[in-house]
Amino acid sequence: MKLGIGIGWRPEIADAVATLPGIDWVEAVAENICTGHPPEALMRLRERGVTVVPHGVSLGLGGADRPDPVRLSDLAARAELLGAPLVTEHIAFVRGGGPLTASPRLEAGHLLPVPRTWDALDVLCENVRIAQDSLPVPLALENIAALISWPGEEMTEGQFLAELVARTGVRLLIDVANLHTNHVNRGEDPATALDELPVEAIAYVHVAGGVQKDGVWHDTHAHPVTRPVLDILTALRSRVDPPGVLLERDDDFPPAAELAGELSTIRTTLEAAAAASGDSGDSGDGRARAEAVRPVRAASPGERARNRSAVAQTALLSALVTGTPAPEGFDQRRLGVQSRALAAKRAGVVAKVAPELPEILGDGYRGAFVDYARTHPMSDGYRRDAVDFAERLLINGLPADHAARRRLTRWWQECVDPRPPRRSVRLVRAARAALARGEVTR
């Protein structure tokens, strides 16, 4: 299936996406779509014939645990709701601990790299096959950006992905911005990765922006696409005509005109690369190319491989989110950078999930949350994280401002109250919110 040029759909830019010229398809974060009440703007695009691909971020297929059947069922339901031709996820782990290590469950709140080892590959392949059997449409997996490297890796990224495709027949979502990130942060050559990839398995491509700080490239999705990323896109296009290319933007959204300009640059880059390689652009159907890869089904990894992966991943995650000693062989400075990045990511997502918190706490919100995150790992999702953060502040007698503390107390009480509020309570809350916004005057 030829997807064309697309953009990541986010509620903040829904109006812009609806009017951008030349948008062939969109990708939406799967976990942000409620099947009972899907976003109206997204469904209107679907009704117009715009293809929508759900993009998962929480399966953790690279983790030691087998995929959660509930999460798989939810992803399948979203694919069916949207009439999606495929679904996508990441080659990453996002949680650790639990029964395999007899330790508390920990959530990273972000995508973390799996080691490129045969053990990790065995576990990943079995998890992928479980997911493929549970989904109504093909699955494609994305290479992730990483700030850290595992010691003792046995394969390059390209070799790891090629072996994954050979064993499972899974398709690939290649993020050229992530290849650039890993070039800066881990010294990996994007050209080598592209040479080693089974490019016939590519379902589509991500393009995104980032920023370099203190010698580390941060894959922010909040900055314009840079020339090195476009150069990698050019190099990929010289090897294969990808079925789709998509612009990702997750924060600091620019005006619609700037988004249109970035999309135009992506189109121009692809056209110039095709012309330089003498490629007409008609390289056949992407689905057919991916399905031509014959999977070689490997044996189950066995519980020992899972247990080894569980211990290693939990030790790393614990060091990142609870401050326990770092596992041997990791770069201590990079672990510190990754730890701070995870805390900042949590602060940003909690601010979106519970916008009342930065509204109540003002400029002190981010610093207070990062301090909290250093000693309080996330264990049950961002909404629970927000409630626990507010509770911890109140236990410590914060915020110091009495009016702010009263507002925070009311918000916390409303979040932990299991009973639906009566109509009179809802009216009082609405009046309070209006007063806080200055909408009610005498």
Protein backbone atom coordinates (compact mmCIF):
# COMPACT_ATOMS: atom_id res chain seq x y z
CA MET A 1 0.00 0.00 0.00
CA LYS A 2 1.35 3.39 -1.01
CA LEU A 3 0.78 5.84 1.88
CA GLY A 4 2.43 8.98 0.48
CA ILE A 5 3.29 12.03 2.59
CA GLY A 6 1.78 12.27 6.06
CA ILE A 7 1.96 14.04 9.40
CA GLY A 8 1.61 12.95 13.00
CA TRP A 9 -1.90 13.86 14.16
CA ARG A 10 -2.02 15.57 17.55
CA PRO A 11 -5.03 17.33 19.14
CA GLU A 12 -3.05 20.58 19.39
CA ILE A 13 -2.68 20.79 15.60
CA ALA A 14 -5.93 19.08 14.57
CA ASP A 15 -7.28 22.22 12.88
CA ALA A 16 -4.02 22.80 11.01
CA VAL A 17 -3.81 19.19 9.83
CA ALA A 18 -7.36 19.37 8.51
CA THR A 19 -6.39 22.21 6.17
CA LEU A 20 -2.78 21.37 5.25
CA PRO A 21 -2.41 20.73 1.51
CA GLY A 22 -1.08 17.45 0.22
CA ILE A 23 -1.65 15.34 3.34
CA ASP A 24 -2.20 11.75 2.21
CA TRP A 25 -2.36 10.13 5.65
CA VAL A 26 -1.87 10.68 9.35
CA GLU A 27 -0.49 8.71 12.28
CA ALA A 28 -2.10 9.00 15.74
CA VAL A 29 -0.77 7.84 19.10
CA ALA A 30 -2.86 4.76 19.77
CA GLU A 31 -3.04 5.21 23.54
CA ASN A 32 -4.61 8.66 23.07
CA ILE A 33 -7.58 7.24 21.17
CA CYS A 34 -10.55 6.10 23.22
CA THR A 35 -12.52 3.62 21.13
CA GLY A 36 -15.76 4.67 22.83
CA HIS A 37 -15.17 8.37 22.22
CA PRO A 38 -12.57 8.83 19.47
CA PRO A 39 -11.48 12.40 18.66
CA GLU A 40 -14.08 13.95 16.35
CA ALA A 41 -11.44 15.78 14.30
CA LEU A 42 -9.60 12.52 13.66
CA MET A 43 -12.77 10.71 12.65
CA ARG A 44 -13.66 13.53 10.26
CA LEU A 45 -10.32 12.97 8.52
CA ARG A 46 -11.12 9.28 8.34
CA GLU A 47 -14.52 10.04 6.78
CA ARG A 48 -12.76 12.16 4.15
CA GLY A 49 -10.79 9.11 3.13
CA VAL A 50 -7.54 10.04 4.88
CA THR A 51 -5.73 6.90 6.05
CA VAL A 52 -5.11 6.82 9.82
CA VAL A 53 -2.41 4.59 11.32
CA PRO A 54 -2.41 3.95 15.10
CA HIS A 55 1.08 4.24 16.58
CA GLY A 56 1.57 2.46 19.90
CA VAL A 57 4.00 3.55 22.60
CA SER A 58 3.27 1.28 25.58
CA LEU A 59 3.46 -2.38 24.52
CA GLY A 60 7.15 -2.67 25.38
CA LEU A 61 7.76 -5.52 22.94
CA GLY A 62 11.47 -5.48 23.79
CA GLY A 63 10.72 -6.07 27.46
CA ALA A 64 11.28 -9.33 29.30
CA ASP A 65 7.55 -9.89 29.92
CA ARG A 66 5.27 -11.28 27.26
CA PRO A 67 2.95 -8.63 25.79
CA ASP A 68 -0.04 -7.68 27.92
CA PRO A 69 -3.18 -9.20 26.32
CA VAL A 70 -5.26 -6.18 27.36
CA ARG A 71 -2.90 -3.73 25.68
CA LEU A 72 -2.85 -5.91 22.56
CA SER A 73 -6.65 -6.08 22.52
CA ASP A 74 -6.88 -2.30 22.86
CA LEU A 75 -4.45 -1.77 19.98
CA ALA A 76 -6.41 -4.22 17.81
CA ALA A 77 -9.67 -2.40 18.62
CA ARG A 78 -8.17 0.94 17.59
CA ALA A 79 -6.92 -0.51 14.32
CA GLU A 80 -10.41 -1.82 13.54
CA LEU A 81 -12.10 1.43 14.57
CA LEU A 82 -9.87 3.42 12.21
CA GLY A 83 -9.87 0.90 9.36
CA ALA A 84 -6.08 1.05 9.54
CA PRO A 85 -3.98 -0.85 6.99
CA LEU A 86 -1.33 -1.55 9.67
CA VAL A 87 -0.32 -0.66 13.23
CA THR A 88 3.08 0.36 14.52
CA GLU A 89 5.07 0.09 17.75
CA HIS A 90 8.67 0.40 18.95
CA ILE A 91 11.64 -1.86 19.51
CA ALA A 92 12.03 -0.88 23.14
CA PHE A 93 11.25 -1.74 26.72
CA VAL A 94 9.18 0.60 28.88
CA ARG A 95 8.84 -1.20 32.22
CA GLY A 96 10.73 -3.53 34.51
CA GLY A 97 10.42 -5.40 37.76
CA GLY A 98 7.39 -7.51 38.56
CA PRO A 99 7.08 -11.30 38.94
CA LEU A 100 10.13 -12.21 36.85
CA THR A 101 12.41 -10.40 39.30
CA ALA A 102 10.20 -10.54 42.42
CA SER A 103 10.56 -6.77 42.71
CA PRO A 104 8.22 -3.75 42.50
CA ARG A 105 6.97 -2.86 39.05
CA LEU A 106 8.71 0.17 37.53
CA GLU A 107 7.60 2.28 34.57
CA ALA A 108 10.12 4.23 32.51
CA GLY A 109 7.57 6.63 31.08
CA HIS A 110 9.58 6.56 27.88
CA LEU A 111 11.16 4.20 25.34
CA LEU A 112 14.43 2.58 26.39
CA PRO A 113 16.77 0.60 24.11
CA VAL A 114 17.12 -3.16 24.27
CA PRO A 115 20.62 -4.62 24.06
CA ARG A 116 21.52 -5.94 20.62
CA THR A 117 22.26 -9.41 21.90
CA TRP A 118 21.00 -12.83 20.89
CA ASP A 119 19.16 -13.22 24.20
CA ALA A 120 17.32 -9.93 23.71
CA LEU A 121 16.57 -10.80 20.08
CA ASP A 122 15.10 -14.18 21.06
CA VAL A 123 12.77 -12.53 23.58
CA LEU A 124 11.81 -9.74 21.16
CA CYS A 125 11.00 -12.18 18.36
CA GLU A 126 8.68 -14.26 20.52
CA ASN A 127 6.93 -11.10 21.76
CA VAL A 128 6.53 -9.88 18.19
CA ARG A 129 4.98 -13.17 17.10
CA ILE A 130 2.51 -12.99 20.00
CA ALA A 131 1.58 -9.46 18.93
CA GLN A 132 1.24 -10.43 15.26
CA ASP A 133 -1.13 -13.27 16.18
CA SER A 134 -3.29 -10.85 18.20
CA LEU A 135 -3.58 -8.01 15.68
CA PRO A 136 -6.01 -7.84 12.74
CA VAL A 137 -3.53 -6.03 10.47
CA PRO A 138 0.25 -6.15 9.82
CA LEU A 139 2.63 -4.82 12.47
CA ALA A 140 5.61 -2.54 11.80
CA LEU A 141 8.29 -1.77 14.39
CA GLU A 142 10.29 1.43 14.80
CA ASN A 143 13.97 1.81 15.60
CA ILE A 144 14.31 4.15 18.58
CA ALA A 145 16.66 6.98 19.53
CA ALA A 146 18.95 6.30 22.47
CA LEU A 147 21.14 8.28 24.82
CA ILE A 148 22.84 5.20 26.24
CA SER A 149 24.50 2.03 24.95
CA TRP A 150 24.42 -1.40 26.52
CA PRO A 151 27.79 -3.03 27.22
CA GLY A 152 28.57 -6.27 25.43
CA GLU A 153 26.34 -5.81 22.39
CA GLU A 154 26.75 -8.53 19.76
CA MET A 155 25.18 -6.92 16.67
CA THR A 156 24.89 -3.58 14.95
CA GLU A 157 21.46 -1.99 14.68
CA GLY A 158 21.13 -2.96 11.03
CA GLN A 159 22.09 -6.57 11.74
CA PHE A 160 19.67 -6.73 14.66
CA LEU A 161 16.77 -5.42 12.55
CA ALA A 162 17.62 -7.70 9.63
CA GLU A 163 17.59 -10.75 11.90
CA LEU A 164 14.29 -9.62 13.45
CA VAL A 165 12.66 -9.35 10.02
CA ALA A 166 14.09 -12.69 8.88
CA ARG A 167 12.70 -14.47 11.94
CA THR A 168 9.27 -12.84 12.16
CA GLY A 169 8.44 -11.22 8.82
CA VAL A 170 7.57 -8.04 10.73
CA ARG A 171 7.69 -4.78 8.78
CA LEU A 172 9.87 -1.82 9.71
CA LEU A 173 9.15 1.79 10.51
CA ILE A 174 12.50 3.48 9.97
CA ASP A 175 12.96 6.78 11.79
CA VAL A 176 15.79 8.64 10.05
CA ALA A 177 15.90 11.19 12.88
CA ASN A 178 16.61 8.33 15.28
CA LEU A 179 19.44 7.11 13.04
CA HIS A 180 20.92 10.60 13.30
CA THR A 181 20.44 10.62 17.09
CA ASN A 182 22.29 7.32 17.42
CA HIS A 183 25.04 8.63 15.15
CA VAL A 184 25.66 11.60 17.47
CA ASN A 185 25.11 9.80 20.77
CA ARG A 186 26.51 6.35 20.06
CA GLY A 187 28.84 6.87 17.11
CA GLU A 188 26.83 4.63 14.79
CA ASP A 189 27.11 5.26 11.05
CA PRO A 190 23.66 5.79 9.45
CA ALA A 191 24.98 4.63 6.06
CA THR A 192 26.09 1.33 7.54
CA ALA A 193 22.69 0.85 9.16
CA LEU A 194 20.92 1.54 5.87
CA ASP A 195 23.23 -0.85 4.02
CA GLU A 196 22.45 -3.64 6.50
CA LEU A 197 18.70 -3.06 6.67
CA PRO A 198 16.24 -5.19 4.70
CA VAL A 199 14.87 -2.09 2.99
CA GLU A 200 12.19 -4.14 1.22
CA ALA A 201 10.52 -4.55 4.63
CA ILE A 202 10.08 -0.81 5.22
CA ALA A 203 6.42 0.13 5.75
CA TYR A 204 7.11 3.85 6.12
CA VAL A 205 9.58 6.42 7.41
CA HIS A 206 9.57 8.98 10.23
CA VAL A 207 11.22 12.39 9.94
CA ALA A 208 11.53 14.62 13.01
CA GLY A 209 13.53 17.41 14.59
CA GLY A 210 15.75 17.58 17.64
CA VAL A 211 18.46 19.63 19.27
CA GLN A 212 22.05 19.10 20.43
CA LYS A 213 22.89 20.07 24.01
CA ASP A 214 26.05 19.34 26.00
CA GLY A 215 27.33 17.06 23.26
CA VAL A 216 24.17 14.92 23.28
CA TRP A 217 21.46 14.90 20.64
CA HIS A 218 17.94 15.05 22.09
CA ASP A 219 15.20 13.66 19.87
CA THR A 220 12.66 16.27 20.98
CA HIS A 221 10.09 16.26 18.16
CA ALA A 222 9.78 19.93 19.14
CA HIS A 223 12.29 21.52 16.74
CA PRO A 224 12.54 21.87 12.96
CA VAL A 225 13.97 19.00 10.94
CA THR A 226 17.71 19.50 10.48
CA ARG A 227 19.82 19.05 7.35
CA PRO A 228 21.65 15.91 8.65
CA VAL A 229 18.29 14.18 9.09
CA LEU A 230 17.25 15.15 5.56
CA ASP A 231 20.59 13.84 4.30
CA ILE A 232 19.82 10.43 5.83
CA LEU A 233 16.37 10.56 4.21
CA THR A 234 18.14 11.20 0.90
CA ALA A 235 20.44 8.23 1.48
CA LEU A 236 17.49 5.98 2.28
CA ARG A 237 15.57 7.14 -0.81
CA SER A 238 18.58 6.33 -2.97
CA ARG A 239 18.20 2.71 -1.82
CA VAL A 240 14.41 2.28 -1.85
CA ASP A 241 11.19 4.16 -2.54
CA PRO A 242 9.47 4.00 0.86
CA PRO A 243 5.68 3.53 0.76
CA GLY A 244 5.20 6.48 3.11
CA VAL A 245 7.09 9.31 4.80
CA LEU A 246 5.70 11.12 7.84
CA LEU A 247 6.62 14.30 9.70
CA GLU A 248 6.46 13.99 13.50
CA ARG A 249 5.90 16.92 15.85
CA ASP A 250 4.91 16.46 19.49
CA ASP A 251 5.54 19.80 21.20
CA ASP A 252 6.15 23.52 20.64
CA PHE A 253 3.87 23.33 17.63
CA PRO A 254 4.63 25.99 14.99
CA PRO A 255 2.06 27.79 12.83
CA ALA A 256 0.44 25.79 10.03
CA ALA A 257 2.57 27.60 7.45
CA GLU A 258 5.77 26.28 9.06
CA LEU A 259 4.41 22.73 9.14
CA ALA A 260 3.51 23.07 5.47
CA GLY A 261 7.03 24.32 4.75
CA GLU A 262 8.60 21.30 6.45
CA LEU A 263 6.34 18.95 4.51
CA SER A 264 7.32 20.71 1.30
CA THR A 265 11.01 20.28 2.17
CA ILE A 266 10.47 16.56 2.74
CA ARG A 267 8.77 16.22 -0.66
CA THR A 268 11.56 18.16 -2.37
CA THR A 269 14.20 16.01 -0.67
CA LEU A 270 12.53 12.79 -1.84
CA GLU A 271 12.08 14.07 -5.40
CA ALA A 272 15.70 15.22 -5.64
CA ALA A 273 16.96 11.88 -4.33
CA ALA A 274 14.79 9.97 -6.78
CA ALA A 275 16.03 12.10 -9.68
CA ALA A 276 19.65 11.67 -8.64
CA SER A 277 19.28 7.89 -8.51
CA GLY A 278 17.32 7.72 -11.77
CA ASP A 279 14.35 6.22 -9.94
CA SER A 280 10.90 6.99 -11.32
CA GLY A 281 9.40 6.38 -7.89
CA ASP A 282 7.30 3.43 -9.03
CA SER A 283 8.95 0.62 -7.12
CA GLY A 284 5.87 -1.46 -6.55
CA ASP A 285 3.64 -2.04 -3.58
CA GLY A 286 5.25 -1.72 -0.15
CA ARG A 287 3.02 -4.41 1.31
CA ALA A 288 4.05 -6.86 -1.38
CA ARG A 289 7.74 -6.16 -0.79
CA ALA A 290 7.41 -6.65 2.94
CA GLU A 291 5.43 -9.84 2.59
CA ALA A 292 8.10 -11.19 0.25
CA VAL A 293 10.40 -11.51 3.27
CA ARG A 294 10.07 -15.10 4.43
CA PRO A 295 10.12 -15.38 8.22
CA VAL A 296 12.23 -18.10 9.74
CA ARG A 297 10.44 -19.06 12.93
CA ALA A 298 12.97 -19.56 15.68
CA ALA A 299 12.42 -21.64 18.78
CA SER A 300 11.00 -20.05 21.91
CA PRO A 301 13.72 -18.27 23.89
CA GLY A 302 12.87 -20.17 27.07
CA GLU A 303 12.42 -18.75 30.53
CA ARG A 304 16.13 -18.45 31.21
CA ALA A 305 16.59 -15.87 28.47
CA ARG A 306 13.56 -13.97 29.74
CA ASN A 307 14.84 -14.07 33.30
CA ARG A 308 18.27 -12.81 32.24
CA SER A 309 16.63 -9.99 30.28
CA ALA A 310 14.35 -9.15 33.20
CA VAL A 311 17.25 -8.85 35.64
CA ALA A 312 19.32 -6.70 33.28
CA GLN A 313 16.46 -4.39 32.27
CA THR A 314 15.21 -3.95 35.84
CA ALA A 315 18.70 -3.10 37.09
CA LEU A 316 19.11 -0.44 34.40
CA LEU A 317 15.64 1.02 34.92
CA SER A 318 16.08 1.10 38.68
CA ALA A 319 19.32 3.04 38.28
CA LEU A 320 17.57 5.52 35.98
CA VAL A 321 14.43 6.15 38.02
CA THR A 322 15.29 5.34 41.64
CA GLY A 323 19.00 6.16 41.86
CA THR A 324 20.25 2.66 42.67
CA PRO A 325 23.86 1.86 41.66
CA ALA A 326 24.36 1.68 37.92
CA PRO A 327 24.92 -1.75 36.36
CA GLU A 328 28.51 -2.49 35.41
CA GLY A 329 29.72 -1.33 32.01
CA PHE A 330 27.40 1.63 31.47
CA ASP A 331 28.63 5.18 30.92
CA GLN A 332 27.83 6.95 34.21
CA ARG A 333 27.55 10.40 32.66
CA ARG A 334 25.17 9.18 29.97
CA LEU A 335 23.04 7.42 32.56
CA GLY A 336 22.73 10.75 34.35
CA VAL A 337 21.67 12.46 31.14
CA GLN A 338 19.11 9.71 30.48
CA SER A 339 17.79 9.88 34.04
CA ARG A 340 17.24 13.63 33.83
CA ALA A 341 15.61 13.23 30.41
CA LEU A 342 13.16 10.66 31.81
CA ALA A 343 12.22 12.98 34.69
CA ALA A 344 11.71 15.90 32.29
CA LYS A 345 9.60 13.68 30.02
CA ARG A 346 7.41 12.68 32.97
CA ALA A 347 6.98 16.30 34.00
CA GLY A 348 5.92 17.27 30.49
CA VAL A 349 3.42 14.45 30.05
CA VAL A 350 1.91 14.91 33.52
CA ALA A 351 1.44 18.60 32.68
CA LYS A 352 -0.62 17.54 29.64
CA VAL A 353 -2.56 14.81 31.45
CA ALA A 354 -3.31 17.06 34.45
CA PRO A 355 -3.00 20.68 33.23
CA GLU A 356 -4.46 21.86 36.55
CA LEU A 357 -1.13 21.13 38.26
CA PRO A 358 1.08 23.63 36.37
CA GLU A 359 -1.84 26.07 36.51
CA ILE A 360 -1.97 25.80 40.32
CA LEU A 361 1.77 25.64 40.93
CA GLY A 362 2.85 28.14 38.28
CA ASP A 363 6.55 28.44 37.52
CA GLY A 364 7.39 26.15 40.41
CA TYR A 365 5.69 23.13 38.86
CA ARG A 366 8.54 21.70 36.79
CA GLY A 367 11.21 21.99 39.47
CA ALA A 368 8.90 20.50 42.09
CA PHE A 369 7.98 17.59 39.85
CA VAL A 370 11.57 16.80 38.87
CA ASP A 371 12.53 16.78 42.58
CA TYR A 372 9.63 14.39 43.24
CA ALA A 373 10.57 12.14 40.31
CA ARG A 374 14.11 11.60 41.64
CA THR A 375 12.79 9.52 44.54
CA HIS A 376 9.35 8.41 43.36
CA PRO A 377 9.38 6.17 40.28
CA MET A 378 6.24 5.86 38.19
CA SER A 379 4.45 2.54 38.63
CA ASP A 380 0.92 2.93 37.27
CA GLY A 381 0.65 5.44 34.44
CA TYR A 382 0.73 9.21 34.17
CA ARG A 383 -2.66 9.97 35.72
CA ARG A 384 -1.73 8.07 38.88
CA ASP A 385 1.65 9.81 38.76
CA ALA A 386 -0.07 13.21 38.80
CA VAL A 387 -2.26 12.27 41.77
CA ASP A 388 0.68 10.84 43.73
CA PHE A 389 2.75 13.97 43.04
CA ALA A 390 -0.03 16.22 44.36
CA GLU A 391 -0.43 14.03 47.44
CA ARG A 392 3.30 14.19 48.18
CA LEU A 393 3.26 18.00 47.94
CA LEU A 394 0.33 18.23 50.33
CA ILE A 395 1.97 15.85 52.83
CA ASN A 396 4.99 18.17 52.81
CA GLY A 397 2.80 21.24 53.38
CA LEU A 398 3.25 22.56 49.86
CA PRO A 399 2.68 24.80 48.04
CA ALA A 400 3.45 27.50 50.61
CA ASP A 401 0.75 29.80 49.24
CA HIS A 402 -2.45 28.98 51.16
CA ALA A 403 -4.81 29.66 48.24
CA ALA A 404 -2.77 27.43 45.93
CA ARG A 405 -2.66 24.68 48.57
CA ARG A 406 -6.45 24.81 48.93
CA ARG A 407 -6.89 24.51 45.17
CA LEU A 408 -4.44 21.62 45.03
CA THR A 409 -6.26 19.91 47.92
CA ARG A 410 -9.61 20.19 46.14
CA TRP A 411 -8.10 18.85 42.90
CA TRP A 412 -6.52 15.90 44.71
CA GLN A 413 -9.76 15.10 46.56
CA GLU A 414 -11.73 15.14 43.32
CA CYS A 415 -9.22 12.77 41.66
CA VAL A 416 -9.25 10.20 44.46
CA ASP A 417 -13.04 10.34 45.06
CA PRO A 418 -14.42 7.14 43.46
CA ARG A 419 -17.98 8.46 43.33
CA PRO A 420 -19.26 10.48 40.35
CA PRO A 421 -19.93 14.07 41.51
CA ARG A 422 -23.54 15.19 41.88
CA ARG A 423 -24.90 17.91 39.60
CA SER A 424 -24.66 20.52 42.36
CA VAL A 425 -21.01 19.63 42.95
CA ARG A 426 -20.28 19.90 39.22
CA LEU A 427 -21.85 23.37 39.13
CA VAL A 428 -19.77 24.53 42.09
CA ARG A 429 -16.61 23.20 40.46
CA ALA A 430 -17.42 24.95 37.19
CA ALA A 431 -17.99 28.22 39.06
CA ARG A 432 -14.67 27.85 40.89
CA ALA A 433 -12.85 27.19 37.62
CA ALA A 434 -14.46 30.23 36.02
CA LEU A 435 -13.45 32.42 38.97
CA ALA A 436 -9.89 31.09 38.78
CA ARG A 437 -9.76 32.03 35.09
CA GLY A 438 -11.18 35.47 35.79
CA GLU A 439 -14.27 34.80 33.67
CA VAL A 440 -16.75 35.87 36.38
CA THR A 441 -16.92 39.55 37.28
CA ARG A 442 -19.17 41.50 39.59
